[in-house]
C-alpha atoms as a PDB file:
ATOM      1  CA  UNK A   1      -6.452 -17.942 -19.617  1.00  0.00           C
ATOM      2  CA  UNK A   2      -4.920 -18.804 -16.251  1.00  0.00           C
ATOM      3  CA  UNK A   3      -6.941 -20.562 -13.553  1.00  0.00           C
ATOM      4  CA  UNK A   4      -9.043 -18.013 -11.632  1.00  0.00           C
ATOM      5  CA  UNK A   5      -7.644 -16.907  -8.295  1.00  0.00           C
ATOM      6  CA  UNK A   6      -8.333 -14.374  -5.566  1.00  0.00           C
ATOM      7  CA  UNK A   7      -6.788 -11.036  -6.533  1.00  0.00           C
ATOM      8  CA  UNK A   8      -6.811  -7.822  -4.522  1.00  0.00           C
ATOM      9  CA  UNK A   9      -6.080  -4.550  -6.295  1.00  0.00           C
ATOM     10  CA  UNK A  10      -5.119  -1.431  -4.357  1.00  0.00           C
ATOM     11  CA  UNK A  11      -5.135   1.938  -6.127  1.00  0.00           C
ATOM     12  CA  UNK A  12      -7.874   2.782  -8.631  1.00  0.00           C
ATOM     13  CA  UNK A  13      -6.320   5.719 -10.441  1.00  0.00           C
ATOM     14  CA  UNK A  14      -6.232   6.192 -14.201  1.00  0.00           C
ATOM     15  CA  UNK A  15      -3.995   3.163 -14.709  1.00  0.00           C
ATOM     16  CA  UNK A  16      -5.126   1.044 -11.786  1.00  0.00           C
ATOM     17  CA  UNK A  17      -8.811   1.319 -12.534  1.00  0.00           C
ATOM     18  CA  UNK A  18      -8.336  -0.010 -16.054  1.00  0.00           C
ATOM     19  CA  UNK A  19      -6.050  -2.826 -14.900  1.00  0.00           C
ATOM     20  CA  UNK A  20      -8.509  -3.910 -12.206  1.00  0.00           C
ATOM     21  CA  UNK A  21     -11.235  -4.119 -14.843  1.00  0.00           C
ATOM     22  CA  UNK A  22      -9.150  -6.487 -16.998  1.00  0.00           C
ATOM     23  CA  UNK A  23      -8.420  -8.679 -13.982  1.00  0.00           C
ATOM     24  CA  UNK A  24     -12.105  -9.031 -13.168  1.00  0.00           C
ATOM     25  CA  UNK A  25     -13.018  -9.679 -16.807  1.00  0.00           C
ATOM     26  CA  UNK A  26     -10.394 -12.440 -16.919  1.00  0.00           C
ATOM     27  CA  UNK A  27     -12.486 -14.318 -14.370  1.00  0.00           C
ATOM     28  CA  UNK A  28     -10.471 -13.704 -11.228  1.00  0.00           C
ATOM     29  CA  UNK A  29     -12.239 -13.081  -7.923  1.00  0.00           C
ATOM     30  CA  UNK A  30     -11.447  -9.406  -7.344  1.00  0.00           C
ATOM     31  CA  UNK A  31     -11.301  -7.270  -4.217  1.00  0.00           C
ATOM     32  CA  UNK A  32     -10.606  -3.559  -4.613  1.00  0.00           C
ATOM     33  CA  UNK A  33      -9.296  -0.911  -2.232  1.00  0.00           C
ATOM     34  CA  UNK A  34      -8.540   2.776  -2.561  1.00  0.00           C
ATOM     35  CA  UNK A  35      -7.366   5.182   0.103  1.00  0.00           C
ATOM     36  CA  UNK A  36     -10.099   7.545  -1.099  1.00  0.00           C
ATOM     37  CA  UNK A  37     -13.146   5.258  -0.754  1.00  0.00           C
ATOM     38  CA  UNK A  38     -15.214   7.274  -3.226  1.00  0.00           C
ATOM     39  CA  UNK A  39     -13.049   5.953  -6.038  1.00  0.00           C
ATOM     40  CA  UNK A  40     -14.265   2.436  -5.315  1.00  0.00           C
ATOM     41  CA  UNK A  41     -17.836   3.677  -5.656  1.00  0.00           C
ATOM     42  CA  UNK A  42     -17.012   5.399  -8.938  1.00  0.00           C
ATOM     43  CA  UNK A  43     -15.259   2.275 -10.249  1.00  0.00           C
ATOM     44  CA  UNK A  44     -18.210   0.044  -9.377  1.00  0.00           C
ATOM     45  CA  UNK A  45     -20.666   2.456 -10.977  1.00  0.00           C
ATOM     46  CA  UNK A  46     -18.571   2.437 -14.163  1.00  0.00           C
ATOM     47  CA  UNK A  47     -18.399  -1.373 -14.165  1.00  0.00           C
ATOM     48  CA  UNK A  48     -21.868  -2.549 -13.100  1.00  0.00           C
ATOM     49  CA  UNK A  49     -21.443  -5.904 -14.839  1.00  0.00           C
ATOM     50  CA  UNK A  50     -18.428  -6.887 -12.712  1.00  0.00           C
ATOM     51  CA  UNK A  51     -18.795  -8.496  -9.300  1.00  0.00           C
ATOM     52  CA  UNK A  52     -16.192  -7.305  -6.790  1.00  0.00           C
ATOM     53  CA  UNK A  53     -15.652  -7.022  -3.061  1.00  0.00           C
ATOM     54  CA  UNK A  54     -14.579  -3.705  -1.517  1.00  0.00           C
ATOM     55  CA  UNK A  55     -12.079  -3.615   1.340  1.00  0.00           C
ATOM     56  CA  UNK A  56     -11.846  -0.808   3.875  1.00  0.00           C
ATOM     57  CA  UNK A  57      -8.122  -1.196   4.566  1.00  0.00           C
ATOM     58  CA  UNK A  58      -5.122  -2.872   2.875  1.00  0.00           C
ATOM     59  CA  UNK A  59      -4.823  -5.682   5.415  1.00  0.00           C
ATOM     60  CA  UNK A  60      -8.452  -6.608   4.852  1.00  0.00           C
ATOM     61  CA  UNK A  61      -7.907  -6.614   1.094  1.00  0.00           C
ATOM     62  CA  UNK A  62      -4.934  -8.963   1.410  1.00  0.00           C
ATOM     63  CA  UNK A  63      -6.568 -11.420   3.791  1.00  0.00           C
ATOM     64  CA  UNK A  64      -7.236 -14.670   1.925  1.00  0.00           C
ATOM     65  CA  UNK A  65      -5.836 -13.306  -1.349  1.00  0.00           C
ATOM     66  CA  UNK A  66      -3.611 -15.299  -3.680  1.00  0.00           C
ATOM     67  CA  UNK A  67      -2.278 -12.168  -5.389  1.00  0.00           C
ATOM     68  CA  UNK A  68      -2.133  -8.576  -4.154  1.00  0.00           C
ATOM     69  CA  UNK A  69      -1.365  -5.749  -6.591  1.00  0.00           C
ATOM     70  CA  UNK A  70      -0.630  -2.125  -5.713  1.00  0.00           C
ATOM     71  CA  UNK A  71      -0.668   0.931  -7.968  1.00  0.00           C
ATOM     72  CA  UNK A  72      -0.462   4.000  -5.760  1.00  0.00           C
ATOM     73  CA  UNK A  73       1.353   7.352  -5.798  1.00  0.00           C
ATOM     74  CA  UNK A  74       4.862   7.384  -4.356  1.00  0.00           C
ATOM     75  CA  UNK A  75       7.262   5.796  -1.859  1.00  0.00           C
ATOM     76  CA  UNK A  76       5.364   7.000   1.203  1.00  0.00           C
ATOM     77  CA  UNK A  77       2.018   5.819  -0.153  1.00  0.00           C
ATOM     78  CA  UNK A  78       3.451   2.413  -0.987  1.00  0.00           C
ATOM     79  CA  UNK A  79       5.114   2.039   2.417  1.00  0.00           C
ATOM     80  CA  UNK A  80       1.810   2.863   4.111  1.00  0.00           C
ATOM     81  CA  UNK A  81      -0.350   0.361   2.211  1.00  0.00           C
ATOM     82  CA  UNK A  82       2.229  -2.446   2.300  1.00  0.00           C
ATOM     83  CA  UNK A  83       4.332  -2.061   5.450  1.00  0.00           C
ATOM     84  CA  UNK A  84       2.064   0.083   7.638  1.00  0.00           C
ATOM     85  CA  UNK A  85       0.195  -1.111  10.735  1.00  0.00           C
ATOM     86  CA  UNK A  86      -2.817  -1.981   8.571  1.00  0.00           C
ATOM     87  CA  UNK A  87      -0.757  -2.903   5.516  1.00  0.00           C
ATOM     88  CA  UNK A  88      -0.872  -5.762   3.070  1.00  0.00           C
ATOM     89  CA  UNK A  89       1.985  -7.650   4.694  1.00  0.00           C
ATOM     90  CA  UNK A  90       0.038  -7.989   7.937  1.00  0.00           C
ATOM     91  CA  UNK A  91      -2.251 -10.582   6.354  1.00  0.00           C
ATOM     92  CA  UNK A  92      -0.885 -11.784   2.989  1.00  0.00           C
ATOM     93  CA  UNK A  93      -0.354 -15.523   3.351  1.00  0.00           C
ATOM     94  CA  UNK A  94       2.967 -17.345   2.885  1.00  0.00           C
ATOM     95  CA  UNK A  95       3.220 -18.396  -0.739  1.00  0.00           C
ATOM     96  CA  UNK A  96       1.083 -15.461  -1.844  1.00  0.00           C
ATOM     97  CA  UNK A  97       2.174 -13.087  -4.579  1.00  0.00           C
ATOM     98  CA  UNK A  98       2.743  -9.341  -4.196  1.00  0.00           C
ATOM     99  CA  UNK A  99       3.059  -7.177  -7.328  1.00  0.00           C
ATOM    100  CA  UNK A 100       3.730  -3.447  -7.254  1.00  0.00           C
ATOM    101  CA  UNK A 101       3.034  -1.341 -10.357  1.00  0.00           C
ATOM    102  CA  UNK A 102       3.806   2.015  -8.716  1.00  0.00           C
ATOM    103  CA  UNK A 103       6.793   3.934 -10.054  1.00  0.00           C
ATOM    104  CA  UNK A 104       8.890   4.375  -6.907  1.00  0.00           C
ATOM    105  CA  UNK A 105      12.514   4.331  -5.816  1.00  0.00           C
ATOM    106  CA  UNK A 106      14.574   1.188  -6.208  1.00  0.00           C
ATOM    107  CA  UNK A 107      15.373   1.548  -2.514  1.00  0.00           C
ATOM    108  CA  UNK A 108      11.831   0.923  -1.318  1.00  0.00           C
ATOM    109  CA  UNK A 109      11.362  -1.845  -3.875  1.00  0.00           C
ATOM    110  CA  UNK A 110      14.362  -3.628  -2.374  1.00  0.00           C
ATOM    111  CA  UNK A 111      13.114  -2.970   1.176  1.00  0.00           C
ATOM    112  CA  UNK A 112       9.723  -4.479   0.405  1.00  0.00           C
ATOM    113  CA  UNK A 113      11.412  -7.448  -1.245  1.00  0.00           C
ATOM    114  CA  UNK A 114      13.375  -8.163   1.936  1.00  0.00           C
ATOM    115  CA  UNK A 115      10.205  -7.966   4.025  1.00  0.00           C
ATOM    116  CA  UNK A 116       8.435 -10.264   1.570  1.00  0.00           C
ATOM    117  CA  UNK A 117      11.242 -12.802   1.689  1.00  0.00           C
ATOM    118  CA  UNK A 118      10.958 -13.002   5.483  1.00  0.00           C
ATOM    119  CA  UNK A 119       7.211 -13.599   5.105  1.00  0.00           C
ATOM    120  CA  UNK A 120       7.762 -16.221   2.352  1.00  0.00           C
ATOM    121  CA  UNK A 121       5.825 -14.057  -0.104  1.00  0.00           C
ATOM    122  CA  UNK A 122       6.679 -13.837  -3.819  1.00  0.00           C
ATOM    123  CA  UNK A 123       7.494 -10.197  -4.587  1.00  0.00           C
ATOM    124  CA  UNK A 124       7.704  -8.391  -7.939  1.00  0.00           C
ATOM    125  CA  UNK A 125       8.382  -4.712  -8.603  1.00  0.00           C
ATOM    126  CA  UNK A 126       6.780  -4.148 -12.004  1.00  0.00           C
ATOM    127  CA  UNK A 127       6.484  -0.533 -13.126  1.00  0.00           C
ATOM    128  CA  UNK A 128       4.834  -0.179 -16.495  1.00  0.00           C
ATOM    129  CA  UNK A 129       4.926   1.704 -19.742  1.00  0.00           C
ATOM    130  CA  UNK A 130       2.209   2.124 -22.322  1.00  0.00           C
ATOM    131  CA  UNK A 131       0.254   5.013 -20.784  1.00  0.00           C
ATOM    132  CA  UNK A 132      -3.481   5.164 -20.159  1.00  0.00           C
ATOM    133  CA  UNK A 133      -4.132   3.815 -23.651  1.00  0.00           C
ATOM    134  CA  UNK A 134      -2.084   0.720 -22.869  1.00  0.00           C
ATOM    135  CA  UNK A 135      -3.885   0.154 -19.587  1.00  0.00           C
ATOM    136  CA  UNK A 136      -7.288   0.419 -21.237  1.00  0.00           C
ATOM    137  CA  UNK A 137      -6.358  -1.872 -24.137  1.00  0.00           C
ATOM    138  CA  UNK A 138      -4.397  -4.390 -21.998  1.00  0.00           C
ATOM    139  CA  UNK A 139      -1.194  -3.774 -23.983  1.00  0.00           C
ATOM    140  CA  UNK A 140       1.122  -2.571 -21.211  1.00  0.00           C
ATOM    141  CA  UNK A 141       4.789  -3.489 -21.004  1.00  0.00           C
ATOM    142  CA  UNK A 142       5.872  -4.509 -17.500  1.00  0.00           C
ATOM    143  CA  UNK A 143       9.488  -4.127 -16.366  1.00  0.00           C
ATOM    144  CA  UNK A 144       9.923  -6.664 -13.584  1.00  0.00           C
ATOM    145  CA  UNK A 145      12.397  -6.968 -10.760  1.00  0.00           C
ATOM    146  CA  UNK A 146      12.530  -9.961  -8.434  1.00  0.00           C
ATOM    147  CA  UNK A 147      13.361 -13.642  -8.386  1.00  0.00           C
ATOM    148  CA  UNK A 148      12.501 -15.730 -11.422  1.00  0.00           C
ATOM    149  CA  UNK A 149      10.064 -17.887  -9.440  1.00  0.00           C
ATOM    150  CA  UNK A 150       8.259 -14.732  -8.255  1.00  0.00           C
ATOM    151  CA  UNK A 151       7.914 -13.459 -11.821  1.00  0.00           C
ATOM    152  CA  UNK A 152       6.505 -16.780 -12.970  1.00  0.00           C
ATOM    153  CA  UNK A 153       4.069 -16.885 -10.063  1.00  0.00           C
ATOM    154  CA  UNK A 154       2.846 -13.383 -10.972  1.00  0.00           C
ATOM    155  CA  UNK A 155       2.780 -13.887 -14.741  1.00  0.00           C
ATOM    156  CA  UNK A 156      -0.658 -15.567 -15.109  1.00  0.00           C
ATOM    157  CA  UNK A 157      -2.444 -12.569 -13.576  1.00  0.00           C
ATOM    158  CA  UNK A 158      -0.207  -9.941 -15.207  1.00  0.00           C
ATOM    159  CA  UNK A 159      -0.968 -11.422 -18.624  1.00  0.00           C
ATOM    160  CA  UNK A 160      -4.573 -10.250 -18.234  1.00  0.00           C
ATOM    161  CA  UNK A 161      -3.549  -6.632 -18.827  1.00  0.00           C
ATOM    162  CA  UNK A 162      -0.122  -6.620 -20.462  1.00  0.00           C
ATOM    163  CA  UNK A 163       1.322  -7.406 -23.866  1.00  0.00           C
ATOM    164  CA  UNK A 164       4.930  -7.810 -22.770  1.00  0.00           C
ATOM    165  CA  UNK A 165       6.425  -8.935 -19.450  1.00  0.00           C
ATOM    166  CA  UNK A 166      10.192  -8.515 -19.201  1.00  0.00           C
ATOM    167  CA  UNK A 167      12.212  -9.866 -16.272  1.00  0.00           C
ATOM    168  CA  UNK A 168      14.919  -7.219 -15.894  1.00  0.00           C
ATOM    169  CA  UNK A 169      16.778  -8.608 -12.892  1.00  0.00           C
ATOM    170  CA  UNK A 170      16.812  -8.711  -9.100  1.00  0.00           C
ATOM    171  CA  UNK A 171      14.569  -6.696  -6.780  1.00  0.00           C
ATOM    172  CA  UNK A 172      14.550  -3.017  -7.725  1.00  0.00           C
ATOM    173  CA  UNK A 173      15.697  -3.662 -11.291  1.00  0.00           C
ATOM    174  CA  UNK A 174      12.210  -3.026 -12.641  1.00  0.00           C
ATOM    175  CA  UNK A 175      12.231   0.411 -11.056  1.00  0.00           C
ATOM    176  CA  UNK A 176      15.641   1.349 -12.445  1.00  0.00           C
ATOM    177  CA  UNK A 177      14.539   0.211 -15.911  1.00  0.00           C
ATOM    178  CA  UNK A 178      11.484   2.465 -15.603  1.00  0.00           C
ATOM    179  CA  UNK A 179      13.799   5.347 -14.722  1.00  0.00           C
ATOM    180  CA  UNK A 180      15.741   4.709 -17.930  1.00  0.00           C
ATOM    181  CA  UNK A 181      12.433   4.741 -19.790  1.00  0.00           C
ATOM    182  CA  UNK A 182      11.476   8.117 -18.346  1.00  0.00           C
ATOM    183  CA  UNK A 183      14.917   9.569 -19.110  1.00  0.00           C
ATOM    184  CA  UNK A 184      14.415   8.598 -22.754  1.00  0.00           C
ATOM    185  CA  UNK A 185      10.917  10.067 -22.903  1.00  0.00           C
ATOM    186  CA  UNK A 186      11.996  13.366 -21.354  1.00  0.00           C
ATOM    187  CA  UNK A 187      14.680  13.940 -23.953  1.00  0.00           C
ATOM    188  CA  UNK A 188      12.446  12.933 -26.859  1.00  0.00           C
ATOM    189  CA  UNK A 189       9.537  15.146 -25.784  1.00  0.00           C
ATOM    190  CA  UNK A 190      11.853  18.132 -25.326  1.00  0.00           C
ATOM    191  CA  UNK A 191      13.294  17.705 -28.819  1.00  0.00           C
ATOM    192  CA  UNK A 192       9.858  17.166 -30.331  1.00  0.00           C
ATOM    193  CA  UNK A 193       8.503  20.320 -28.697  1.00  0.00           C
ATOM    194  CA  UNK A 194      11.304  22.391 -30.199  1.00  0.00           C
ATOM    195  CA  UNK A 195      10.804  20.791 -33.621  1.00  0.00           C
ATOM    196  CA  UNK A 196       7.074  21.561 -33.620  1.00  0.00           C
ATOM    197  CA  UNK A 197       7.604  25.200 -32.652  1.00  0.00           C
ATOM    198  CA  UNK A 198      10.446  25.532 -35.190  1.00  0.00           C
ATOM    199  CA  UNK A 199       8.248  24.196 -38.011  1.00  0.00           C
ATOM    200  CA  UNK A 200       5.360  26.429 -36.993  1.00  0.00           C
ATOM    201  CA  UNK A 201       7.562  29.535 -36.885  1.00  0.00           C
ATOM    202  CA  UNK A 202       8.809  28.639 -40.366  1.00  0.00           C
ATOM    203  CA  UNK A 203       5.183  28.611 -41.622  1.00  0.00           C
ATOM    204  CA  UNK A 204       5.435  25.005 -42.778  1.00  0.00           C
ATOM    205  CA  UNK A 205       2.461  22.739 -43.332  1.00  0.00           C
ATOM    206  CA  UNK A 206       2.605  20.594 -40.197  1.00  0.00           C
ATOM    207  CA  UNK A 207       1.000  17.543 -41.825  1.00  0.00           C
ATOM    208  CA  UNK A 208       3.504  17.621 -44.669  1.00  0.00           C
ATOM    209  CA  UNK A 209       6.428  17.977 -42.273  1.00  0.00           C
ATOM    210  CA  UNK A 210       5.193  15.001 -40.289  1.00  0.00           C
ATOM    211  CA  UNK A 211       4.787  12.954 -43.472  1.00  0.00           C
ATOM    212  CA  UNK A 212       8.316  13.822 -44.541  1.00  0.00           C
ATOM    213  CA  UNK A 213      10.175  13.133 -41.301  1.00  0.00           C
ATOM    214  CA  UNK A 214       8.147  10.480 -39.483  1.00  0.00           C
ATOM    215  CA  UNK A 215       9.402   7.614 -41.621  1.00  0.00           C
ATOM    216  CA  UNK A 216      13.095   8.178 -40.932  1.00  0.00           C
ATOM    217  CA  UNK A 217      15.494   8.438 -38.022  1.00  0.00           C
ATOM    218  CA  UNK A 218      13.435  11.184 -36.347  1.00  0.00           C
ATOM    219  CA  UNK A 219      10.469   8.851 -35.889  1.00  0.00           C
ATOM    220  CA  UNK A 220       9.317   8.021 -32.360  1.00  0.00           C
ATOM    221  CA  UNK A 221       6.170   7.015 -30.500  1.00  0.00           C
ATOM    222  CA  UNK A 222       5.957  10.570 -29.243  1.00  0.00           C
ATOM    223  CA  UNK A 223       6.127  11.951 -32.780  1.00  0.00           C
ATOM    224  CA  UNK A 224       3.492   9.546 -34.081  1.00  0.00           C
ATOM    225  CA  UNK A 225       1.092  10.239 -31.218  1.00  0.00           C
ATOM    226  CA  UNK A 226       1.837  13.822 -30.154  1.00  0.00           C
ATOM    227  CA  UNK A 227       3.060  15.787 -33.218  1.00  0.00           C
ATOM    228  CA  UNK A 228      -0.395  16.973 -34.249  1.00  0.00           C
ATOM    229  CA  UNK A 229      -1.757  17.367 -30.739  1.00  0.00           C
ATOM    230  CA  UNK A 230       1.229  19.423 -29.621  1.00  0.00           C
ATOM    231  CA  UNK A 231       0.791  21.622 -32.701  1.00  0.00           C
ATOM    232  CA  UNK A 232      -2.856  22.197 -31.747  1.00  0.00           C
ATOM    233  CA  UNK A 233      -2.183  22.685 -28.004  1.00  0.00           C
ATOM    234  CA  UNK A 234      -4.138  19.605 -26.966  1.00  0.00           C
ATOM    235  CA  UNK A 235      -2.675  18.096 -23.787  1.00  0.00           C
ATOM    236  CA  UNK A 236      -5.317  15.891 -22.176  1.00  0.00           C
ATOM    237  CA  UNK A 237      -3.777  12.423 -22.487  1.00  0.00           C
ATOM    238  CA  UNK A 238      -3.439  11.015 -19.003  1.00  0.00           C
ATOM    239  CA  UNK A 239       0.186  10.987 -17.785  1.00  0.00           C
ATOM    240  CA  UNK A 240       0.582  14.278 -15.975  1.00  0.00           C
ATOM    241  CA  UNK A 241       3.645  16.504 -15.745  1.00  0.00           C
ATOM    242  CA  UNK A 242       3.388  16.270 -11.948  1.00  0.00           C
ATOM    243  CA  UNK A 243       3.985  12.516 -12.218  1.00  0.00           C
ATOM    244  CA  UNK A 244       6.768  12.901 -14.761  1.00  0.00           C
ATOM    245  CA  UNK A 245       8.608  15.287 -12.430  1.00  0.00           C
ATOM    246  CA  UNK A 246       8.278  12.717  -9.649  1.00  0.00           C
ATOM    247  CA  UNK A 247       9.753  10.056 -11.933  1.00  0.00           C
ATOM    248  CA  UNK A 248      12.597  12.255 -13.140  1.00  0.00           C
ATOM    249  CA  UNK A 249      13.399  13.107  -9.532  1.00  0.00           C
ATOM    250  CA  UNK A 250      13.686   9.401  -8.765  1.00  0.00           C
ATOM    251  CA  UNK A 251      16.011   8.931 -11.747  1.00  0.00           C
ATOM    252  CA  UNK A 252      18.244  11.818 -10.719  1.00  0.00           C
ATOM    253  CA  UNK A 253      18.406  10.567  -7.124  1.00  0.00           C
ATOM    254  CA  UNK A 254      19.361   7.107  -8.365  1.00  0.00           C
ATOM    255  CA  UNK A 255      21.927   8.630 -10.720  1.00  0.00           C
ATOM    256  CA  UNK A 256      23.583  10.493  -7.857  1.00  0.00           C
ATOM    257  CA  UNK A 257      23.668   7.273  -5.861  1.00  0.00           C
ATOM    258  CA  UNK A 258      25.480   5.339  -8.585  1.00  0.00           C
ATOM    259  CA  UNK A 259      27.685   8.224  -9.739  1.00  0.00           C
ATOM    260  CA  UNK A 260      26.007   8.851 -13.106  1.00  0.00           C
ATOM    261  CA  UNK A 261      25.468  12.394 -14.378  1.00  0.00           C
ATOM    262  CA  UNK A 262      22.116  13.109 -16.059  1.00  0.00           C
ATOM    263  CA  UNK A 263      22.441  16.688 -17.354  1.00  0.00           C
ATOM    264  CA  UNK A 264      19.745  16.477 -20.043  1.00  0.00           C
ATOM    265  CA  UNK A 265      17.303  14.901 -17.612  1.00  0.00           C
ATOM    266  CA  UNK A 266      17.994  17.660 -15.079  1.00  0.00           C
ATOM    267  CA  UNK A 267      17.467  20.337 -17.731  1.00  0.00           C
ATOM    268  CA  UNK A 268      14.168  18.885 -18.968  1.00  0.00           C
ATOM    269  CA  UNK A 269      13.037  18.535 -15.361  1.00  0.00           C
ATOM    270  CA  UNK A 270      13.584  22.304 -14.986  1.00  0.00           C
ATOM    271  CA  UNK A 271      11.588  22.876 -18.172  1.00  0.00           C
ATOM    272  CA  UNK A 272       8.718  20.861 -16.716  1.00  0.00           C
ATOM    273  CA  UNK A 273       8.910  22.951 -13.545  1.00  0.00           C
ATOM    274  CA  UNK A 274       8.302  26.032 -15.720  1.00  0.00           C
ATOM    275  CA  UNK A 275       5.127  24.458 -17.120  1.00  0.00           C
ATOM    276  CA  UNK A 276       3.988  23.553 -13.615  1.00  0.00           C
ATOM    277  CA  UNK A 277       4.485  27.193 -12.620  1.00  0.00           C
ATOM    278  CA  UNK A 278       2.001  28.326 -15.290  1.00  0.00           C
ATOM    279  CA  UNK A 279      -0.619  25.812 -14.175  1.00  0.00           C
ATOM    280  CA  UNK A 280       0.197  22.844 -16.400  1.00  0.00           C
ATOM    281  CA  UNK A 281       1.046  20.267 -13.754  1.00  0.00           C
ATOM    282  CA  UNK A 282      -1.970  18.073 -14.458  1.00  0.00           C
ATOM    283  CA  UNK A 283      -1.593  18.244 -18.230  1.00  0.00           C
ATOM    284  CA  UNK A 284       0.023  15.508 -20.297  1.00  0.00           C
ATOM    285  CA  UNK A 285       3.817  15.544 -20.547  1.00  0.00           C
ATOM    286  CA  UNK A 286       3.578  16.842 -24.125  1.00  0.00           C
ATOM    287  CA  UNK A 287       2.479  20.172 -22.598  1.00  0.00           C
ATOM    288  CA  UNK A 288       6.211  20.828 -22.278  1.00  0.00           C
ATOM    289  CA  UNK A 289       5.762  22.758 -25.530  1.00  0.00           C
ATOM    290  CA  UNK A 290       3.852  25.427 -23.584  1.00  0.00           C
ATOM    291  CA  UNK A 291       7.127  26.928 -22.378  1.00  0.00           C
ATOM    292  CA  UNK A 292       8.005  27.731 -26.015  1.00  0.00           C
ATOM    293  CA  UNK A 293       5.918  30.670 -27.299  1.00  0.00           C
ATOM    294  CA  UNK A 294       4.418  30.472 -30.767  1.00  0.00           C
ATOM    295  CA  UNK A 295       6.114  32.561 -33.461  1.00  0.00           C
ATOM    296  CA  UNK A 296       3.801  31.704 -36.343  1.00  0.00           C
ATOM    297  CA  UNK A 297       1.156  34.301 -35.615  1.00  0.00           C
ATOM    298  CA  UNK A 298      -1.461  31.819 -34.337  1.00  0.00           C
END
């Protein structure tokens, strides 16, 4: 384990709450902050054995901290808690470390990196993959953008909740890698949804189909973890369609900026919009199958 240090964690959502718990259990001195203060109360009630401080604003959380970590909602949220008048960068000391786990645009990641450089702060954009399960089991994969020395300064704390830390490249590179990740997932989930409905309409035994095809080229994490749950219309697994649409929008915006066409991504994004329209926005991304009606009589 790394030497204990003062860590402030901002954003106690599904992912952030689990990560903050691992940081505290690793022995670090933890301060928490959430824009909705009630979440701090809920987190403390769920973790009565962990001693933490609670900050009332981002600047207070960052004051005296060695490492500040954010995991919020979108570009505007991140700009507010980091660059705003009461933001992290008002008080984070020179030589401190700033890590962002929010999935945001590469543009704001680069902007924050420039601000951090002027403040002599190590800065890492580190979106993650591994879902809620990975956050709870400390097996996340972090895709990191920033200077090598910044990554190494952040690594000892990030190791408390991740299984793999990959330095992708310069500032913003972590965010563009996450976009590639979401592009892959969107296409796989769309194909899997069609395969499940096709097998059901053909009156096949779903367990036998899975056994037959999951060991070959069709295999994927989504198939292993969502084949049966999609077949049974069970969609309560954490990463919501609302968030996936945000991420796909970021990928398409970035694609337009670099002159890359993403037709499959755009199509699946429209499919997700259909599921949102029928009330599925807060369901797991595998709820994409809801737009395909059953034809098997169930």
